[in-house]
C-alpha atoms as a PDB file:
ATOM      1  CA  MET A   1     114.138 102.955  99.660  1.00  0.00           C
ATOM      2  CA  SER A   2     113.448 106.109 101.630  1.00  0.00           C
ATOM      3  CA  LEU A   3     110.286 105.924 103.733  1.00  0.00           C
ATOM      4  CA  PRO A   4     108.561 109.321 104.164  1.00  0.00           C
ATOM      5  CA  ARG A   5     109.131 110.268 107.782  1.00  0.00           C
ATOM      6  CA  ASP A   6     105.885 112.220 108.156  1.00  0.00           C
ATOM      7  CA  ARG A   7     103.801 109.224 107.032  1.00  0.00           C
ATOM      8  CA  VAL A   8     105.720 106.857 109.300  1.00  0.00           C
ATOM      9  CA  GLU A   9     105.162 109.219 112.253  1.00  0.00           C
ATOM     10  CA  THR A  10     101.453 109.367 111.405  1.00  0.00           C
ATOM     11  CA  ILE A  11     101.200 105.584 111.645  1.00  0.00           C
ATOM     12  CA  ALA A  12     103.301 105.513 114.818  1.00  0.00           C
ATOM     13  CA  ALA A  13     100.816 107.894 116.440  1.00  0.00           C
ATOM     14  CA  LEU A  14      98.210 105.120 116.133  1.00  0.00           C
ATOM     15  CA  GLY A  15     100.110 103.125 118.746  1.00  0.00           C
ATOM     16  CA  TYR A  16     103.104 101.605 116.988  1.00  0.00           C
ATOM     17  CA  THR A  17     106.856 101.849 117.387  1.00  0.00           C
ATOM     18  CA  GLU A  18     108.824 103.604 114.639  1.00  0.00           C
ATOM     19  CA  THR A  19     110.016 100.264 113.239  1.00  0.00           C
ATOM     20  CA  GLU A  20     106.491  98.841 113.237  1.00  0.00           C
ATOM     21  CA  ALA A  21     105.157 102.001 111.599  1.00  0.00           C
ATOM     22  CA  GLY A  22     107.819 101.880 108.870  1.00  0.00           C
ATOM     23  CA  PHE A  23     106.936  98.297 108.080  1.00  0.00           C
ATOM     24  CA  LEU A  24     103.204  99.056 107.999  1.00  0.00           C
ATOM     25  CA  TYR A  25     103.794 101.944 105.594  1.00  0.00           C
ATOM     26  CA  LEU A  26     105.690  99.584 103.293  1.00  0.00           C
ATOM     27  CA  VAL A  27     102.867  97.028 103.441  1.00  0.00           C
ATOM     28  CA  ALA A  28     100.113  99.632 102.933  1.00  0.00           C
ATOM     29  CA  THR A  29     101.915 101.038  99.889  1.00  0.00           C
ATOM     30  CA  HIS A  30     103.022  97.880  98.112  1.00  0.00           C
ATOM     31  CA  SER A  31     101.334  94.659  99.209  1.00  0.00           C
ATOM     32  CA  GLY A  32      98.479  94.875 101.696  1.00  0.00           C
ATOM     33  CA  TYR A  33      99.453  91.417 102.996  1.00  0.00           C
ATOM     34  CA  PHE A  34     102.361  90.179 105.112  1.00  0.00           C
ATOM     35  CA  THR A  35     103.564  87.482 107.462  1.00  0.00           C
ATOM     36  CA  LEU A  36     105.247  87.961 110.824  1.00  0.00           C
ATOM     37  CA  ARG A  37     108.392  86.408 109.352  1.00  0.00           C
ATOM     38  CA  GLN A  38     108.519  89.373 106.964  1.00  0.00           C
ATOM     39  CA  PHE A  39     108.021  91.860 109.798  1.00  0.00           C
ATOM     40  CA  LEU A  40     110.892  90.264 111.724  1.00  0.00           C
ATOM     41  CA  SER A  41     113.080  90.440 108.624  1.00  0.00           C
ATOM     42  CA  PHE A  42     112.385  94.183 108.342  1.00  0.00           C
ATOM     43  CA  ALA A  43     112.972  94.703 112.081  1.00  0.00           C
ATOM     44  CA  GLY A  44     116.102  92.535 112.203  1.00  0.00           C
ATOM     45  CA  SER A  45     114.606  90.567 115.067  1.00  0.00           C
ATOM     46  CA  HIS A  46     113.631  87.009 115.985  1.00  0.00           C
ATOM     47  CA  TRP A  47     110.464  85.151 116.936  1.00  0.00           C
ATOM     48  CA  GLY A  48     109.246  85.946 120.423  1.00  0.00           C
ATOM     49  CA  LYS A  49     107.763  88.807 122.400  1.00  0.00           C
ATOM     50  CA  ARG A  50     108.311  91.420 119.670  1.00  0.00           C
ATOM     51  CA  SER A  51     106.344  89.603 116.985  1.00  0.00           C
ATOM     52  CA  THR A  52     103.570  88.637 119.428  1.00  0.00           C
ATOM     53  CA  SER A  53     103.270  92.233 120.655  1.00  0.00           C
ATOM     54  CA  PHE A  54     103.079  93.589 117.103  1.00  0.00           C
ATOM     55  CA  ALA A  55     100.401  91.086 116.094  1.00  0.00           C
ATOM     56  CA  GLY A  56      98.409  91.883 119.212  1.00  0.00           C
ATOM     57  CA  LYS A  57      98.417  95.618 118.464  1.00  0.00           C
ATOM     58  CA  LEU A  58      97.199  95.095 114.916  1.00  0.00           C
ATOM     59  CA  LEU A  59      94.290  92.930 115.968  1.00  0.00           C
ATOM     60  CA  ARG A  60      93.284  94.967 119.032  1.00  0.00           C
ATOM     61  CA  HIS A  61      93.265  98.199 117.011  1.00  0.00           C
ATOM     62  CA  GLY A  62      91.279  96.500 114.249  1.00  0.00           C
ATOM     63  CA  HIS A  63      93.843  97.514 111.612  1.00  0.00           C
ATOM     64  CA  ALA A  64      94.397  94.008 110.234  1.00  0.00           C
ATOM     65  CA  SER A  65      92.849  90.564 110.067  1.00  0.00           C
ATOM     66  CA  VAL A  66      94.722  87.270 110.159  1.00  0.00           C
ATOM     67  CA  ARG A  67      93.969  83.822 108.851  1.00  0.00           C
ATOM     68  CA  ASP A  68      95.757  80.595 108.035  1.00  0.00           C
ATOM     69  CA  TYR A  69      95.957  79.627 104.377  1.00  0.00           C
ATOM     70  CA  MET A  70      95.800  75.931 103.509  1.00  0.00           C
ATOM     71  CA  GLY A  71      97.467  75.037 106.808  1.00  0.00           C
ATOM     72  CA  THR A  72     100.714  76.695 105.749  1.00  0.00           C
ATOM     73  CA  GLY A  73     100.927  79.828 107.849  1.00  0.00           C
ATOM     74  CA  SER A  74      99.326  82.953 109.232  1.00  0.00           C
ATOM     75  CA  VAL A  75      98.882  85.805 106.789  1.00  0.00           C
ATOM     76  CA  PHE A  76      97.875  89.308 107.870  1.00  0.00           C
ATOM     77  CA  HIS A  77      95.718  91.570 105.726  1.00  0.00           C
ATOM     78  CA  LEU A  78      96.193  95.269 106.472  1.00  0.00           C
ATOM     79  CA  TYR A  79      92.775  96.627 105.586  1.00  0.00           C
ATOM     80  CA  SER A  80      91.641  99.330 108.018  1.00  0.00           C
ATOM     81  CA  ARG A  81      90.629 102.729 106.692  1.00  0.00           C
ATOM     82  CA  LEU A  82      91.845 104.117 110.035  1.00  0.00           C
ATOM     83  CA  LEU A  83      95.406 103.347 108.925  1.00  0.00           C
ATOM     84  CA  TYR A  84      95.191 103.989 105.166  1.00  0.00           C
ATOM     85  CA  ASP A  85      93.298 107.276 105.396  1.00  0.00           C
ATOM     86  CA  PRO A  86      95.866 109.277 107.470  1.00  0.00           C
ATOM     87  CA  ILE A  87      98.650 108.409 104.993  1.00  0.00           C
ATOM     88  CA  GLU A  88      96.433 109.359 102.026  1.00  0.00           C
ATOM     89  CA  LYS A  89      96.047 105.830 100.688  1.00  0.00           C
ATOM     90  CA  ASP A  90      92.362 105.485 101.507  1.00  0.00           C
ATOM     91  CA  ASN A  91      91.379 104.286  98.030  1.00  0.00           C
ATOM     92  CA  HIS A  92      94.322 101.940  97.680  1.00  0.00           C
ATOM     93  CA  SER A  93      93.327  98.538  96.296  1.00  0.00           C
ATOM     94  CA  ASN A  94      95.420  96.824  98.979  1.00  0.00           C
ATOM     95  CA  ARG A  95      92.506  97.340 101.378  1.00  0.00           C
ATOM     96  CA  ARG A  96      90.292  94.961  99.406  1.00  0.00           C
ATOM     97  CA  ARG A  97      90.020  91.212  99.802  1.00  0.00           C
ATOM     98  CA  HIS A  98      91.745  89.164  97.133  1.00  0.00           C
ATOM     99  CA  SER A  99      92.215  85.658  95.787  1.00  0.00           C
ATOM    100  CA  PHE A 100      94.737  83.277  97.294  1.00  0.00           C
ATOM    101  CA  ASP A 101      96.984  83.484  94.229  1.00  0.00           C
ATOM    102  CA  TYR A 102      96.959  87.291  94.404  1.00  0.00           C
ATOM    103  CA  ILE A 103      97.957  87.085  98.082  1.00  0.00           C
ATOM    104  CA  ARG A 104     100.856  84.746  97.278  1.00  0.00           C
ATOM    105  CA  THR A 105     102.060  87.174  94.617  1.00  0.00           C
ATOM    106  CA  ARG A 106     101.950  90.174  96.976  1.00  0.00           C
ATOM    107  CA  LEU A 107     103.886  88.250  99.617  1.00  0.00           C
ATOM    108  CA  VAL A 108     106.630  87.363  97.133  1.00  0.00           C
ATOM    109  CA  LEU A 109     106.643  91.020  96.036  1.00  0.00           C
ATOM    110  CA  LEU A 110     107.076  92.142  99.652  1.00  0.00           C
ATOM    111  CA  ASP A 111     109.961  89.709 100.117  1.00  0.00           C
ATOM    112  CA  PHE A 112     111.659  91.239  97.081  1.00  0.00           C
ATOM    113  CA  LEU A 113     111.244  94.767  98.474  1.00  0.00           C
ATOM    114  CA  LEU A 114     112.569  93.717 101.890  1.00  0.00           C
ATOM    115  CA  GLU A 115     115.660  92.261 100.217  1.00  0.00           C
ATOM    116  CA  ASN A 116     116.197  95.437  98.155  1.00  0.00           C
ATOM    117  CA  LEU A 117     115.426  98.314 100.511  1.00  0.00           C
ATOM    118  CA  GLN A 118     118.410 100.226  99.161  1.00  0.00           C
ATOM    119  CA  SER A 119     116.806 100.620  95.724  1.00  0.00           C
ATOM    120  CA  GLU A 120     114.828 103.659  94.553  1.00  0.00           C
ATOM    121  CA  PHE A 121     111.277 102.470  93.845  1.00  0.00           C
ATOM    122  CA  LEU A 122     108.425 104.462  92.359  1.00  0.00           C
ATOM    123  CA  GLU A 123     105.604 103.906  94.831  1.00  0.00           C
ATOM    124  CA  THR A 124     102.400 105.118  93.269  1.00  0.00           C
ATOM    125  CA  GLU A 125     100.594 105.235  89.945  1.00  0.00           C
ATOM    126  CA  ASN A 126     101.020 109.034  89.826  1.00  0.00           C
ATOM    127  CA  GLU A 127     104.768 108.789  90.417  1.00  0.00           C
ATOM    128  CA  LYS A 128     105.150 106.286  87.592  1.00  0.00           C
ATOM    129  CA  VAL A 129     103.038 108.302  85.156  1.00  0.00           C
ATOM    130  CA  ARG A 130     104.919 111.483  86.055  1.00  0.00           C
ATOM    131  CA  PHE A 131     108.323 109.848  85.552  1.00  0.00           C
ATOM    132  CA  PHE A 132     107.592 108.488  82.082  1.00  0.00           C
ATOM    133  CA  CYS A 133     105.466 111.359  80.786  1.00  0.00           C
ATOM    134  CA  GLU A 134     107.393 114.292  82.254  1.00  0.00           C
ATOM    135  CA  THR A 135     110.959 113.063  82.780  1.00  0.00           C
ATOM    136  CA  LEU A 136     111.185 110.826  79.694  1.00  0.00           C
ATOM    137  CA  ALA A 137     108.515 112.599  77.573  1.00  0.00           C
ATOM    138  CA  VAL A 138     106.643 109.362  76.790  1.00  0.00           C
ATOM    139  CA  PRO A 139     103.097 109.984  75.469  1.00  0.00           C
ATOM    140  CA  LYS A 140     100.557 108.907  78.078  1.00  0.00           C
ATOM    141  CA  GLU A 141      98.696 106.720  75.601  1.00  0.00           C
ATOM    142  CA  LEU A 142     101.744 104.421  75.420  1.00  0.00           C
ATOM    143  CA  LEU A 143     101.618 103.532  79.120  1.00  0.00           C
ATOM    144  CA  PRO A 144     100.073 100.217  80.267  1.00  0.00           C
ATOM    145  CA  VAL A 145      96.471 101.076  81.121  1.00  0.00           C
ATOM    146  CA  LYS A 146      93.280  99.365  82.226  1.00  0.00           C
ATOM    147  CA  VAL A 147      89.803 100.785  81.810  1.00  0.00           C
ATOM    148  CA  TYR A 148      87.402 100.433  84.736  1.00  0.00           C
ATOM    149  CA  LYS A 149      83.740 100.949  83.969  1.00  0.00           C
ATOM    150  CA  GLY A 150      82.065 103.462  86.249  1.00  0.00           C
ATOM    151  CA  ARG A 151      78.547 103.402  87.590  1.00  0.00           C
ATOM    152  CA  LYS A 152      75.632 104.411  85.424  1.00  0.00           C
ATOM    153  CA  ASN A 153      76.029 107.918  83.950  1.00  0.00           C
ATOM    154  CA  THR A 154      79.704 108.103  85.007  1.00  0.00           C
ATOM    155  CA  CYS A 155      82.752 108.035  82.761  1.00  0.00           C
ATOM    156  CA  PRO A 156      85.073 105.011  82.726  1.00  0.00           C
ATOM    157  CA  ALA A 157      88.201 105.415  84.850  1.00  0.00           C
ATOM    158  CA  LEU A 158      91.682 104.856  83.429  1.00  0.00           C
ATOM    159  CA  HIS A 159      94.309 103.413  85.734  1.00  0.00           C
ATOM    160  CA  TYR A 160      97.951 102.888  84.805  1.00  0.00           C
ATOM    161  CA  PHE A 161     100.447 100.240  85.976  1.00  0.00           C
ATOM    162  CA  VAL A 162      97.643  98.315  87.685  1.00  0.00           C
ATOM    163  CA  ASP A 163      99.851  95.255  88.321  1.00  0.00           C
ATOM    164  CA  LYS A 164     101.771  97.353  90.897  1.00  0.00           C
ATOM    165  CA  PHE A 165     104.908  95.276  90.388  1.00  0.00           C
ATOM    166  CA  PRO A 166     108.148  96.891  91.622  1.00  0.00           C
ATOM    167  CA  LEU A 167     109.492  99.583  89.296  1.00  0.00           C
ATOM    168  CA  SER A 168     112.852 101.008  90.320  1.00  0.00           C
ATOM    169  CA  LEU A 169     115.213 103.642  88.955  1.00  0.00           C
ATOM    170  CA  GLU A 170     118.984 103.476  88.577  1.00  0.00           C
ATOM    171  CA  ARG A 171     121.375 106.290  87.719  1.00  0.00           C
ATOM    172  CA  SER A 172     124.799 105.648  86.197  1.00  0.00           C
ATOM    173  CA  VAL A 173     126.070 108.911  87.685  1.00  0.00           C
ATOM    174  CA  PRO A 174     124.408 111.408  90.050  1.00  0.00           C
ATOM    175  CA  GLY A 175     122.163 113.803  88.171  1.00  0.00           C
ATOM    176  CA  SER A 176     121.864 111.631  85.044  1.00  0.00           C
ATOM    177  CA  VAL A 177     118.537 110.498  83.592  1.00  0.00           C
ATOM    178  CA  PRO A 178     117.638 107.299  85.440  1.00  0.00           C
ATOM    179  CA  VAL A 179     117.043 103.974  83.714  1.00  0.00           C
ATOM    180  CA  ALA A 180     113.863 102.133  84.660  1.00  0.00           C
ATOM    181  CA  THR A 181     113.922  98.556  85.883  1.00  0.00           C
ATOM    182  CA  PHE A 182     110.584  96.827  85.307  1.00  0.00           C
ATOM    183  CA  SER A 183     109.639  93.554  86.940  1.00  0.00           C
ATOM    184  CA  TYR A 184     107.270  90.618  86.938  1.00  0.00           C
ATOM    185  CA  VAL A 185     106.437  88.747  90.145  1.00  0.00           C
ATOM    186  CA  ASP A 186     105.749  85.013  89.856  1.00  0.00           C
ATOM    187  CA  SER A 187     104.149  83.620  93.019  1.00  0.00           C
ATOM    188  CA  GLY A 188     105.346  80.136  92.205  1.00  0.00           C
ATOM    189  CA  THR A 189     102.101  79.005  90.604  1.00  0.00           C
ATOM    190  CA  ALA A 190     101.585  81.432  87.726  1.00  0.00           C
ATOM    191  CA  SER A 191     101.916  80.105  84.195  1.00  0.00           C
ATOM    192  CA  LEU A 192     103.983  81.864  81.560  1.00  0.00           C
ATOM    193  CA  ALA A 193     100.731  82.780  79.821  1.00  0.00           C
ATOM    194  CA  HIS A 194     100.322  85.469  82.489  1.00  0.00           C
ATOM    195  CA  PHE A 195     103.872  86.629  81.773  1.00  0.00           C
ATOM    196  CA  ASP A 196     103.060  86.926  78.063  1.00  0.00           C
ATOM    197  CA  THR A 197     100.009  89.052  78.868  1.00  0.00           C
ATOM    198  CA  HIS A 198     102.094  91.267  81.123  1.00  0.00           C
ATOM    199  CA  LEU A 199     104.739  91.857  78.441  1.00  0.00           C
ATOM    200  CA  ALA A 200     102.056  92.639  75.875  1.00  0.00           C
ATOM    201  CA  ALA A 201     100.592  95.306  78.160  1.00  0.00           C
ATOM    202  CA  TYR A 202     104.000  97.023  78.377  1.00  0.00           C
ATOM    203  CA  GLN A 203     105.038  96.590  74.745  1.00  0.00           C
ATOM    204  CA  ASN A 204     104.177 100.122  73.617  1.00  0.00           C
ATOM    205  CA  LEU A 205     106.055 101.648  76.544  1.00  0.00           C
ATOM    206  CA  PHE A 206     109.075  99.412  75.905  1.00  0.00           C
ATOM    207  CA  ARG A 207     109.192 100.574  72.275  1.00  0.00           C
ATOM    208  CA  SER A 208     109.457 104.200  73.380  1.00  0.00           C
ATOM    209  CA  LEU A 209     112.505 103.719  75.634  1.00  0.00           C
ATOM    210  CA  ALA A 210     116.154 103.881  74.604  1.00  0.00           C
ATOM    211  CA  ALA A 211     117.170 101.733  77.559  1.00  0.00           C
ATOM    212  CA  PHE A 212     115.503  99.698  80.261  1.00  0.00           C
ATOM    213  CA  ARG A 213     116.017  96.656  82.424  1.00  0.00           C
ATOM    214  CA  PHE A 214     113.629  93.844  83.295  1.00  0.00           C
ATOM    215  CA  VAL A 215     113.778  91.405  86.209  1.00  0.00           C
ATOM    216  CA  TYR A 216     111.727  88.228  86.629  1.00  0.00           C
ATOM    217  CA  ILE A 217     111.129  87.580  90.344  1.00  0.00           C
ATOM    218  CA  ALA A 218     110.175  84.168  91.693  1.00  0.00           C
ATOM    219  CA  PRO A 219     110.555  81.986  94.804  1.00  0.00           C
ATOM    220  CA  ARG A 220     111.840  79.082  92.680  1.00  0.00           C
ATOM    221  CA  PRO A 221     114.221  79.006  89.688  1.00  0.00           C
ATOM    222  CA  ALA A 222     112.159  76.566  87.583  1.00  0.00           C
ATOM    223  CA  PRO A 223     110.597  79.168  85.214  1.00  0.00           C
ATOM    224  CA  PHE A 224     113.704  81.334  84.756  1.00  0.00           C
ATOM    225  CA  LEU A 225     115.059  79.818  81.536  1.00  0.00           C
ATOM    226  CA  ARG A 226     111.674  79.736  79.807  1.00  0.00           C
ATOM    227  CA  ALA A 227     110.896  83.293  80.945  1.00  0.00           C
ATOM    228  CA  GLU A 228     114.192  84.565  79.551  1.00  0.00           C
ATOM    229  CA  LYS A 229     113.505  82.908  76.192  1.00  0.00           C
ATOM    230  CA  ARG A 230     110.030  84.469  76.086  1.00  0.00           C
ATOM    231  CA  PHE A 231     111.417  87.890  76.923  1.00  0.00           C
ATOM    232  CA  ARG A 232     114.153  87.601  74.305  1.00  0.00           C
ATOM    233  CA  SER A 233     111.779  86.577  71.498  1.00  0.00           C
ATOM    234  CA  PHE A 234     108.864  88.793  72.501  1.00  0.00           C
ATOM    235  CA  VAL A 235     110.687  91.961  73.583  1.00  0.00           C
ATOM    236  CA  LYS A 236     114.450  92.138  73.226  1.00  0.00           C
ATOM    237  CA  GLU A 237     115.003  90.819  69.687  1.00  0.00           C
ATOM    238  CA  PRO A 238     112.057  92.659  68.072  1.00  0.00           C
ATOM    239  CA  LEU A 239     113.044  95.966  69.664  1.00  0.00           C
ATOM    240  CA  GLU A 240     116.702  95.703  68.759  1.00  0.00           C
ATOM    241  CA  LYS A 241     116.113  95.144  65.045  1.00  0.00           C
ATOM    242  CA  ASP A 242     113.884  96.270  62.204  1.00  0.00           C
ATOM    243  CA  VAL A 243     110.698  94.226  62.501  1.00  0.00           C
ATOM    244  CA  SER A 244     108.906  95.516  59.399  1.00  0.00           C
ATOM    245  CA  SER A 245     109.489  92.247  57.502  1.00  0.00           C
ATOM    246  CA  GLU A 246     107.938  90.255  60.360  1.00  0.00           C
ATOM    247  CA  VAL A 247     104.973  92.625  60.515  1.00  0.00           C
ATOM    248  CA  PHE A 248     104.530  92.203  56.763  1.00  0.00           C
ATOM    249  CA  ARG A 249     104.546  88.401  57.158  1.00  0.00           C
ATOM    250  CA  TYR A 250     102.088  88.669  60.056  1.00  0.00           C
ATOM    251  CA  PHE A 251      99.695  90.719  57.934  1.00  0.00           C
ATOM    252  CA  ASN A 252      99.888  88.196  55.072  1.00  0.00           C
ATOM    253  CA  VAL A 253      99.355  85.154  57.272  1.00  0.00           C
ATOM    254  CA  ARG A 254      96.568  86.858  59.202  1.00  0.00           C
ATOM    255  CA  ARG A 255      94.754  87.846  55.998  1.00  0.00           C
ATOM    256  CA  LYS A 256      94.945  84.302  54.641  1.00  0.00           C
ATOM    257  CA  TRP A 257      93.654  82.942  57.950  1.00  0.00           C
ATOM    258  CA  GLU A 258      90.762  85.404  58.158  1.00  0.00           C
ATOM    259  CA  ARG A 259      89.785  84.700  54.539  1.00  0.00           C
ATOM    260  CA  HIS A 260      89.927  80.902  55.094  1.00  0.00           C
ATOM    261  CA  GLU A 261      92.509  80.491  52.331  1.00  0.00           C
ATOM    262  CA  TYR A 262      94.347  77.635  54.085  1.00  0.00           C
ATOM    263  CA  ILE A 263      93.293  74.373  52.435  1.00  0.00           C
ATOM    264  CA  VAL A 264      96.091  72.336  53.969  1.00  0.00           C
ATOM    265  CA  PRO A 265      97.164  73.407  57.498  1.00  0.00           C
ATOM    266  CA  VAL A 266     100.615  74.964  57.621  1.00  0.00           C
ATOM    267  CA  THR A 267     101.894  74.431  61.143  1.00  0.00           C
ATOM    268  CA  SER A 268     104.718  76.945  60.907  1.00  0.00           C
ATOM    269  CA  ASP A 269     102.323  79.680  59.795  1.00  0.00           C
ATOM    270  CA  PHE A 270      99.858  78.971  62.598  1.00  0.00           C
ATOM    271  CA  GLU A 271     102.627  78.959  65.208  1.00  0.00           C
ATOM    272  CA  PHE A 272     103.952  82.235  63.805  1.00  0.00           C
ATOM    273  CA  LEU A 273     100.447  83.762  63.809  1.00  0.00           C
ATOM    274  CA  THR A 274      99.867  82.853  67.458  1.00  0.00           C
ATOM    275  CA  GLU A 275     103.160  84.422  68.531  1.00  0.00           C
ATOM    276  CA  ALA A 276     102.731  87.457  66.260  1.00  0.00           C
ATOM    277  CA  ARG A 277      99.290  88.237  67.683  1.00  0.00           C
ATOM    278  CA  ARG A 278     100.920  88.638  71.099  1.00  0.00           C
ATOM    279  CA  ARG A 279     103.923  90.581  69.830  1.00  0.00           C
ATOM    280  CA  PHE A 280     102.014  92.978  67.593  1.00  0.00           C
ATOM    281  CA  GLU A 281      99.063  93.657  69.831  1.00  0.00           C
ATOM    282  CA  GLY A 282      97.701  97.190  70.070  1.00  0.00           C
ATOM    283  CA  GLN A 283      95.798  99.849  68.159  1.00  0.00           C
ATOM    284  CA  LYS A 284      98.832 100.940  66.135  1.00  0.00           C
ATOM    285  CA  PHE A 285      99.160  97.509  64.517  1.00  0.00           C
ATOM    286  CA  GLU A 286      95.402  97.183  64.039  1.00  0.00           C
ATOM    287  CA  ASP A 287      95.279 100.497  62.188  1.00  0.00           C
ATOM    288  CA  LEU A 288      98.270  99.533  60.048  1.00  0.00           C
ATOM    289  CA  TYR A 289      96.763  96.150  59.242  1.00  0.00           C
ATOM    290  CA  HIS A 290      93.506  97.617  58.017  1.00  0.00           C
ATOM    291  CA  ALA A 291      95.355 100.339  56.091  1.00  0.00           C
ATOM    292  CA  TRP A 292      97.401  97.571  54.443  1.00  0.00           C
ATOM    293  CA  LEU A 293      94.207  95.664  53.578  1.00  0.00           C
ATOM    294  CA  ARG A 294      92.901  98.814  51.905  1.00  0.00           C
ATOM    295  CA  ARG A 295      96.254  99.109  50.050  1.00  0.00           C
ATOM    296  CA  GLU A 296      96.938 102.447  51.680  1.00  0.00           C
ATOM    297  CA  VAL A 297     100.346 101.198  52.822  1.00  0.00           C
ATOM    298  CA  ASP A 298     102.721  98.657  51.244  1.00  0.00           C
ATOM    299  CA  GLU A 299     105.823  96.828  52.476  1.00  0.00           C
ATOM    300  CA  ASP A 300     108.010  99.898  51.932  1.00  0.00           C
ATOM    301  CA  GLY A 301     105.483 101.932  53.882  1.00  0.00           C
ATOM    302  CA  LEU A 302     105.662  99.470  56.746  1.00  0.00           C
ATOM    303  CA  GLY A 303     109.435  99.809  56.697  1.00  0.00           C
ATOM    304  CA  ARG A 304     109.107 103.568  57.063  1.00  0.00           C
ATOM    305  CA  GLN A 305     106.636 103.119  59.909  1.00  0.00           C
ATOM    306  CA  PHE A 306     109.263 101.226  61.871  1.00  0.00           C
ATOM    307  CA  ALA A 307     112.256 103.290  60.814  1.00  0.00           C
ATOM    308  CA  GLU A 308     112.086 105.047  64.149  1.00  0.00           C
ATOM    309  CA  CYS A 309     113.716 102.048  65.827  1.00  0.00           C
ATOM    310  CA  ILE A 310     116.028 103.564  68.396  1.00  0.00           C
ATOM    311  CA  PRO A 311     119.689 102.943  67.446  1.00  0.00           C
ATOM    312  CA  GLY A 312     121.881 101.526  70.183  1.00  0.00           C
ATOM    313  CA  ARG A 313     118.882 100.545  72.296  1.00  0.00           C
ATOM    314  CA  LYS A 314     119.976  98.778  75.486  1.00  0.00           C
ATOM    315  CA  ILE A 315     117.687  96.137  76.925  1.00  0.00           C
ATOM    316  CA  SER A 316     118.706  93.724  79.662  1.00  0.00           C
ATOM    317  CA  PHE A 317     116.943  90.841  81.378  1.00  0.00           C
ATOM    318  CA  ALA A 318     117.700  89.327  84.773  1.00  0.00           C
ATOM    319  CA  THR A 319     116.146  86.821  87.131  1.00  0.00           C
ATOM    320  CA  TYR A 320     115.840  87.184  90.887  1.00  0.00           C
ATOM    321  CA  LEU A 321     115.416  84.260  93.249  1.00  0.00           C
ATOM    322  CA  ILE A 322     113.790  85.159  96.561  1.00  0.00           C
ATOM    323  CA  ARG A 323     116.220  84.170  99.306  1.00  0.00           C
ATOM    324  CA  THR A 324     113.649  82.162 101.245  1.00  0.00           C
ATOM    325  CA  GLY A 325     113.588  79.841  98.238  1.00  0.00           C
ATOM    326  CA  SER A 326     109.815  79.346  98.399  1.00  0.00           C
ATOM    327  CA  SER A 327     106.528  81.161  98.432  1.00  0.00           C
ATOM    328  CA  PRO A 328     105.961  82.829 101.828  1.00  0.00           C
ATOM    329  CA  VAL A 329     102.833  80.693 102.338  1.00  0.00           C
ATOM    330  CA  ASP A 330     104.160  77.443 100.949  1.00  0.00           C
ATOM    331  CA  GLU A 331     106.162  75.976 103.832  1.00  0.00           C
ATOM    332  CA  ARG A 332     104.754  73.085 105.847  1.00  0.00           C
ATOM    333  CA  GLN A 333     106.483  74.122 109.082  1.00  0.00           C
ATOM    334  CA  ARG A 334     105.514  77.780 109.105  1.00  0.00           C
ATOM    335  CA  LYS A 335     105.063  79.457 112.499  1.00  0.00           C
ATOM    336  CA  HIS A 336     101.497  80.417 113.353  1.00  0.00           C
ATOM    337  CA  VAL A 337     100.615  83.569 115.237  1.00  0.00           C
ATOM    338  CA  LYS A 338      99.228  83.264 118.734  1.00  0.00           C
ATOM    339  CA  VAL A 339      97.819  86.389 120.280  1.00  0.00           C
ATOM    340  CA  ALA A 340      96.829  86.472 123.905  1.00  0.00           C
END
């Protein structure tokens, strides 16, 4: 990861060393929260005067707050407009206060970045939109988006890739079109229901790509096997084969359910319907379903709709275990910051 020198120098001018400024830029861009253990990892240093000095600067300048979470450790929140504004991240959501689970997730995310500083990450929403829409010619309406309602008499705002999980690029040879590596960050407490929702949000984008990678990041290996199975059934297998027959079955089962035609419960149908609702979420499927109800499209028509399946599509899944082996705020013997 290449940190922009001009932005790092701007932060350093606020009273920090170059190493401290580089770390603060990383935090301001990707997480908003950090622990001193993470700063020392970035700096290649050990507990002592350096970490105490850094913490003291942050608090004296009013650039960060610090608090202990559940007796497990000191977590810093980088929130000051005085730091975000000069590096043009004044409206960044990392400045806001968040829930404890959100904080845990951002700390795991930061650990992942610190362990993979050599990778090429897309930092901002604009960079991600530009890569997919301009470099890969993906229609903007296929990107994962969230609508935020504006104030009275203002238009709703659309924001893309709002999860802000790491998204990196890899090139097989210099100058080639890069392959995107998506990710999901599990703080150690998230259920796989959140993972399902995340995959559903990206489904339209996944369908438009000839190749991509996906990595499931967590501080413990417990969810890895289940996550891989979910990814395989929800993403990989449907995208690597013609799914028109499954869509046709989904439409039939859904119609029977909505018309209350089930006299005796059919467990297999209900299980299929629950999974299919997640897999075939989106306006495209809704429009097709209602067109099918109106008999404007039949099974052959559905087959033609999905004939654009990309031949030779390459999809890979991997898991990544954070080296600390636990959530950054989940250790009982965590060091606490003391600032004179």
